[in-house]
Amino acid sequence: MKNKYKALYAPWRIGYILGKKIKGCLFCKLARQNKDKENFILERKKYCFVVLNRFPYNNGHLMIVPYKHVSRLEKLDDKILLEMMKTSQEYTVKMKKIMKADGFNIGINIGEIAGAGIADHLHLHVVPRWAGDNNFMPVIGGFKVISESFESVYEKLNNN
């Protein structure tokens, strides 16, 4: 039987695979730490914070995370929901200006079955998109190339 999977050499992933697993909620832990640059936290607001996704769909993929640990949208009050949406608005404007994004995918995966990697702590994804970002690599090669480092994206979005 022919192997249907393609491989991309990515030795940096072994740290995630074999590394020490975090006990408890990653987002709650990030919120409590005072290591914003190390954790790629771009901004802290009253009810939520903005963090780059370490396993992005595209350059600049960020998440807006409420401090309140809930898994369901209906458990967030209007103040939190408004701040999360206003923050997504601010960052789309910022990424259009700084990163020249042509469009965005914005969404929430509620529950594991819907694709939530961290299902117990709701978060909003903001994924910048560019004309032509679906090139031959994902279409023919079957994998995505992230062409900019976390540090570079963090500096761009954090300093403007």
C-alpha atoms as a PDB file:
ATOM      1  CA  MET A   1       0.000   0.000   0.000  1.00  0.00           C
ATOM      2  CA  LYS A   2       1.375   3.382  -1.003  1.00  0.00           C
ATOM      3  CA  ASN A   3       1.841   5.950   1.781  1.00  0.00           C
ATOM      4  CA  LYS A   4      -0.696   8.736   1.182  1.00  0.00           C
ATOM      5  CA  TYR A   5       0.977  11.203   3.562  1.00  0.00           C
ATOM      6  CA  LYS A   6       3.612  13.723   2.591  1.00  0.00           C
ATOM      7  CA  ALA A   7       6.359  14.789   4.985  1.00  0.00           C
ATOM      8  CA  LEU A   8       7.911  18.160   5.665  1.00  0.00           C
ATOM      9  CA  TYR A   9      11.094  18.239   7.706  1.00  0.00           C
ATOM     10  CA  ALA A  10      10.351  20.404  10.762  1.00  0.00           C
ATOM     11  CA  PRO A  11      12.765  19.541  13.568  1.00  0.00           C
ATOM     12  CA  TRP A  12      11.516  22.379  15.788  1.00  0.00           C
ATOM     13  CA  ARG A  13       8.257  20.419  16.335  1.00  0.00           C
ATOM     14  CA  ILE A  14      10.051  17.754  18.393  1.00  0.00           C
ATOM     15  CA  GLY A  15      10.195  20.202  21.302  1.00  0.00           C
ATOM     16  CA  TYR A  16       6.412  20.340  21.301  1.00  0.00           C
ATOM     17  CA  ILE A  17       6.003  16.586  20.814  1.00  0.00           C
ATOM     18  CA  LEU A  18       8.478  15.472  23.476  1.00  0.00           C
ATOM     19  CA  GLY A  19       8.405  18.559  25.665  1.00  0.00           C
ATOM     20  CA  LYS A  20       6.876  18.824  29.094  1.00  0.00           C
ATOM     21  CA  LYS A  21       3.094  18.967  28.825  1.00  0.00           C
ATOM     22  CA  ILE A  22       1.393  21.873  30.497  1.00  0.00           C
ATOM     23  CA  LYS A  23      -0.981  20.919  33.290  1.00  0.00           C
ATOM     24  CA  GLY A  24      -4.140  22.950  33.417  1.00  0.00           C
ATOM     25  CA  CYS A  25      -5.262  25.602  30.972  1.00  0.00           C
ATOM     26  CA  LEU A  26      -2.590  27.097  28.704  1.00  0.00           C
ATOM     27  CA  PHE A  27      -4.513  30.365  28.299  1.00  0.00           C
ATOM     28  CA  CYS A  28      -5.028  30.823  32.045  1.00  0.00           C
ATOM     29  CA  LYS A  29      -1.332  30.134  32.584  1.00  0.00           C
ATOM     30  CA  LEU A  30      -0.305  32.695  29.928  1.00  0.00           C
ATOM     31  CA  ALA A  31      -2.650  35.275  31.459  1.00  0.00           C
ATOM     32  CA  ARG A  32      -1.030  34.852  34.903  1.00  0.00           C
ATOM     33  CA  GLN A  33       2.574  35.021  33.693  1.00  0.00           C
ATOM     34  CA  ASN A  34       4.501  38.231  33.275  1.00  0.00           C
ATOM     35  CA  LYS A  35       6.336  37.039  30.124  1.00  0.00           C
ATOM     36  CA  ASP A  36       4.415  38.779  27.364  1.00  0.00           C
ATOM     37  CA  LYS A  37       7.247  38.979  24.841  1.00  0.00           C
ATOM     38  CA  GLU A  38       8.346  35.382  25.452  1.00  0.00           C
ATOM     39  CA  ASN A  39       4.732  34.184  25.151  1.00  0.00           C
ATOM     40  CA  PHE A  40       3.994  36.446  22.146  1.00  0.00           C
ATOM     41  CA  ILE A  41       1.224  38.287  23.986  1.00  0.00           C
ATOM     42  CA  LEU A  42       0.683  41.417  21.936  1.00  0.00           C
ATOM     43  CA  GLU A  43      -1.717  43.259  24.204  1.00  0.00           C
ATOM     44  CA  ARG A  44      -3.622  42.936  27.469  1.00  0.00           C
ATOM     45  CA  LYS A  45      -7.003  44.570  27.784  1.00  0.00           C
ATOM     46  CA  LYS A  46      -9.497  44.692  30.649  1.00  0.00           C
ATOM     47  CA  TYR A  47     -11.391  41.501  29.719  1.00  0.00           C
ATOM     48  CA  CYS A  48      -9.166  39.763  27.168  1.00  0.00           C
ATOM     49  CA  PHE A  49      -5.642  39.493  25.769  1.00  0.00           C
ATOM     50  CA  VAL A  50      -4.188  39.048  22.281  1.00  0.00           C
ATOM     51  CA  VAL A  51      -1.609  36.328  21.603  1.00  0.00           C
ATOM     52  CA  LEU A  52       0.041  34.957  18.469  1.00  0.00           C
ATOM     53  CA  ASN A  53      -0.887  31.363  17.680  1.00  0.00           C
ATOM     54  CA  ARG A  54       2.230  29.158  17.943  1.00  0.00           C
ATOM     55  CA  PHE A  55       0.735  26.737  15.400  1.00  0.00           C
ATOM     56  CA  PRO A  56      -0.618  29.241  12.859  1.00  0.00           C
ATOM     57  CA  TYR A  57      -2.651  28.753   9.704  1.00  0.00           C
ATOM     58  CA  ASN A  58      -0.916  31.819   8.267  1.00  0.00           C
ATOM     59  CA  ASN A  59       1.613  34.495   9.243  1.00  0.00           C
ATOM     60  CA  GLY A  60       0.130  36.757  11.893  1.00  0.00           C
ATOM     61  CA  HIS A  61      -2.538  34.263  13.036  1.00  0.00           C
ATOM     62  CA  LEU A  62      -3.548  35.537  16.446  1.00  0.00           C
ATOM     63  CA  MET A  63      -6.083  34.678  19.103  1.00  0.00           C
ATOM     64  CA  ILE A  64      -8.166  36.948  21.284  1.00  0.00           C
ATOM     65  CA  VAL A  65      -8.638  35.206  24.606  1.00  0.00           C
ATOM     66  CA  PRO A  66     -10.985  36.248  27.410  1.00  0.00           C
ATOM     67  CA  TYR A  67      -9.486  36.067  30.888  1.00  0.00           C
ATOM     68  CA  LYS A  68     -12.669  34.309  31.994  1.00  0.00           C
ATOM     69  CA  HIS A  69     -12.218  30.550  31.668  1.00  0.00           C
ATOM     70  CA  VAL A  70     -15.336  29.330  29.844  1.00  0.00           C
ATOM     71  CA  SER A  71     -15.981  26.843  27.061  1.00  0.00           C
ATOM     72  CA  ARG A  72     -19.297  28.219  25.835  1.00  0.00           C
ATOM     73  CA  LEU A  73     -20.061  31.520  24.143  1.00  0.00           C
ATOM     74  CA  GLU A  74     -23.226  32.077  26.169  1.00  0.00           C
ATOM     75  CA  LYS A  75     -21.141  32.160  29.363  1.00  0.00           C
ATOM     76  CA  LEU A  76     -19.505  35.464  28.307  1.00  0.00           C
ATOM     77  CA  ASP A  77     -21.244  38.703  29.191  1.00  0.00           C
ATOM     78  CA  ASP A  78     -21.741  41.631  26.837  1.00  0.00           C
ATOM     79  CA  LYS A  79     -18.702  43.591  28.119  1.00  0.00           C
ATOM     80  CA  ILE A  80     -16.351  40.702  27.311  1.00  0.00           C
ATOM     81  CA  LEU A  81     -17.965  39.953  23.945  1.00  0.00           C
ATOM     82  CA  LEU A  82     -17.821  43.615  22.916  1.00  0.00           C
ATOM     83  CA  GLU A  83     -14.165  43.945  23.905  1.00  0.00           C
ATOM     84  CA  MET A  84     -13.262  40.775  21.987  1.00  0.00           C
ATOM     85  CA  MET A  85     -15.022  41.993  18.830  1.00  0.00           C
ATOM     86  CA  LYS A  86     -13.616  45.522  19.100  1.00  0.00           C
ATOM     87  CA  THR A  87     -10.156  43.992  19.552  1.00  0.00           C
ATOM     88  CA  SER A  88     -10.609  41.860  16.431  1.00  0.00           C
ATOM     89  CA  GLN A  89     -11.605  45.033  14.587  1.00  0.00           C
ATOM     90  CA  GLU A  90      -8.487  46.855  15.826  1.00  0.00           C
ATOM     91  CA  TYR A  91      -6.168  44.029  14.787  1.00  0.00           C
ATOM     92  CA  THR A  92      -7.671  43.624  11.322  1.00  0.00           C
ATOM     93  CA  VAL A  93      -7.082  47.334  10.731  1.00  0.00           C
ATOM     94  CA  LYS A  94      -3.542  47.005  12.122  1.00  0.00           C
ATOM     95  CA  MET A  95      -2.710  43.963   9.972  1.00  0.00           C
ATOM     96  CA  LYS A  96      -4.105  45.623   6.842  1.00  0.00           C
ATOM     97  CA  LYS A  97      -1.821  48.579   7.467  1.00  0.00           C
ATOM     98  CA  ILE A  98       1.333  46.855   8.723  1.00  0.00           C
ATOM     99  CA  MET A  99       1.229  43.431   7.066  1.00  0.00           C
ATOM    100  CA  LYS A 100      -0.765  44.455   3.966  1.00  0.00           C
ATOM    101  CA  ALA A 101      -3.355  41.714   4.588  1.00  0.00           C
ATOM    102  CA  ASP A 102      -5.997  41.480   1.863  1.00  0.00           C
ATOM    103  CA  GLY A 103      -8.645  39.750   3.976  1.00  0.00           C
ATOM    104  CA  PHE A 104      -9.262  37.757   7.155  1.00  0.00           C
ATOM    105  CA  ASN A 105     -10.792  34.595   8.515  1.00  0.00           C
ATOM    106  CA  ILE A 106     -12.263  35.293  11.954  1.00  0.00           C
ATOM    107  CA  GLY A 107     -13.918  32.613  14.015  1.00  0.00           C
ATOM    108  CA  ILE A 108     -14.418  30.553  17.139  1.00  0.00           C
ATOM    109  CA  ASN A 109     -14.245  26.760  17.279  1.00  0.00           C
ATOM    110  CA  ILE A 110     -16.618  25.692  20.054  1.00  0.00           C
ATOM    111  CA  GLY A 111     -15.930  22.178  21.292  1.00  0.00           C
ATOM    112  CA  GLU A 112     -13.423  19.544  20.244  1.00  0.00           C
ATOM    113  CA  ILE A 113     -15.725  18.236  17.513  1.00  0.00           C
ATOM    114  CA  ALA A 114     -15.632  21.720  15.899  1.00  0.00           C
ATOM    115  CA  GLY A 115     -11.830  21.759  15.888  1.00  0.00           C
ATOM    116  CA  ALA A 116     -11.047  23.548  19.146  1.00  0.00           C
ATOM    117  CA  GLY A 117      -7.496  22.623  20.164  1.00  0.00           C
ATOM    118  CA  ILE A 118      -8.135  24.096  23.610  1.00  0.00           C
ATOM    119  CA  ALA A 119     -11.832  23.342  23.995  1.00  0.00           C
ATOM    120  CA  ASP A 120     -12.230  24.318  27.646  1.00  0.00           C
ATOM    121  CA  HIS A 121     -11.176  27.972  27.161  1.00  0.00           C
ATOM    122  CA  LEU A 122     -13.016  29.797  24.392  1.00  0.00           C
ATOM    123  CA  HIS A 123     -10.913  32.019  22.088  1.00  0.00           C
ATOM    124  CA  LEU A 124     -11.389  33.977  18.868  1.00  0.00           C
ATOM    125  CA  HIS A 125      -9.057  33.338  15.915  1.00  0.00           C
ATOM    126  CA  VAL A 126      -8.027  36.156  13.567  1.00  0.00           C
ATOM    127  CA  VAL A 127      -6.175  34.830  10.519  1.00  0.00           C
ATOM    128  CA  PRO A 128      -4.839  37.331   7.968  1.00  0.00           C
ATOM    129  CA  ARG A 129      -5.054  36.312   4.308  1.00  0.00           C
ATOM    130  CA  TRP A 130      -3.364  37.550   1.149  1.00  0.00           C
ATOM    131  CA  ALA A 131      -4.218  37.218  -2.502  1.00  0.00           C
ATOM    132  CA  GLY A 132      -2.216  34.231  -3.690  1.00  0.00           C
ATOM    133  CA  ASP A 133      -1.475  32.778  -0.238  1.00  0.00           C
ATOM    134  CA  ASN A 134      -2.840  29.479  -1.523  1.00  0.00           C
ATOM    135  CA  ASN A 135       0.066  28.723  -3.830  1.00  0.00           C
ATOM    136  CA  PHE A 136       1.505  25.445  -5.048  1.00  0.00           C
ATOM    137  CA  MET A 137       2.738  24.355  -1.595  1.00  0.00           C
ATOM    138  CA  PRO A 138      -0.680  23.722  -0.003  1.00  0.00           C
ATOM    139  CA  VAL A 139      -2.493  23.008  -3.251  1.00  0.00           C
ATOM    140  CA  ILE A 140      -0.001  20.581  -4.842  1.00  0.00           C
ATOM    141  CA  GLY A 141       2.427  19.821  -2.019  1.00  0.00           C
ATOM    142  CA  GLY A 142      -0.197  19.372   0.687  1.00  0.00           C
ATOM    143  CA  PHE A 143       1.451  21.540   3.354  1.00  0.00           C
ATOM    144  CA  LYS A 144       1.593  25.187   4.357  1.00  0.00           C
ATOM    145  CA  VAL A 145       4.734  27.304   4.520  1.00  0.00           C
ATOM    146  CA  ILE A 146       4.815  29.958   7.236  1.00  0.00           C
ATOM    147  CA  SER A 147       7.241  32.455   5.782  1.00  0.00           C
ATOM    148  CA  GLU A 148       7.783  34.814   8.706  1.00  0.00           C
ATOM    149  CA  SER A 149       9.075  34.186  12.220  1.00  0.00           C
ATOM    150  CA  PHE A 150       6.982  34.711  15.347  1.00  0.00           C
ATOM    151  CA  GLU A 151       9.519  37.286  16.534  1.00  0.00           C
ATOM    152  CA  SER A 152       9.191  39.321  13.340  1.00  0.00           C
ATOM    153  CA  VAL A 153       5.384  39.310  13.398  1.00  0.00           C
ATOM    154  CA  TYR A 154       5.360  40.103  17.128  1.00  0.00           C
ATOM    155  CA  GLU A 155       7.669  43.097  16.624  1.00  0.00           C
ATOM    156  CA  LYS A 156       5.601  44.416  13.713  1.00  0.00           C
ATOM    157  CA  LEU A 157       2.278  44.187  15.535  1.00  0.00           C
ATOM    158  CA  ASN A 158       3.571  45.156  18.970  1.00  0.00           C
ATOM    159  CA  ASN A 159       5.438  48.300  17.902  1.00  0.00           C
ATOM    160  CA  ASN A 160       2.682  49.973  15.872  1.00  0.00           C
END
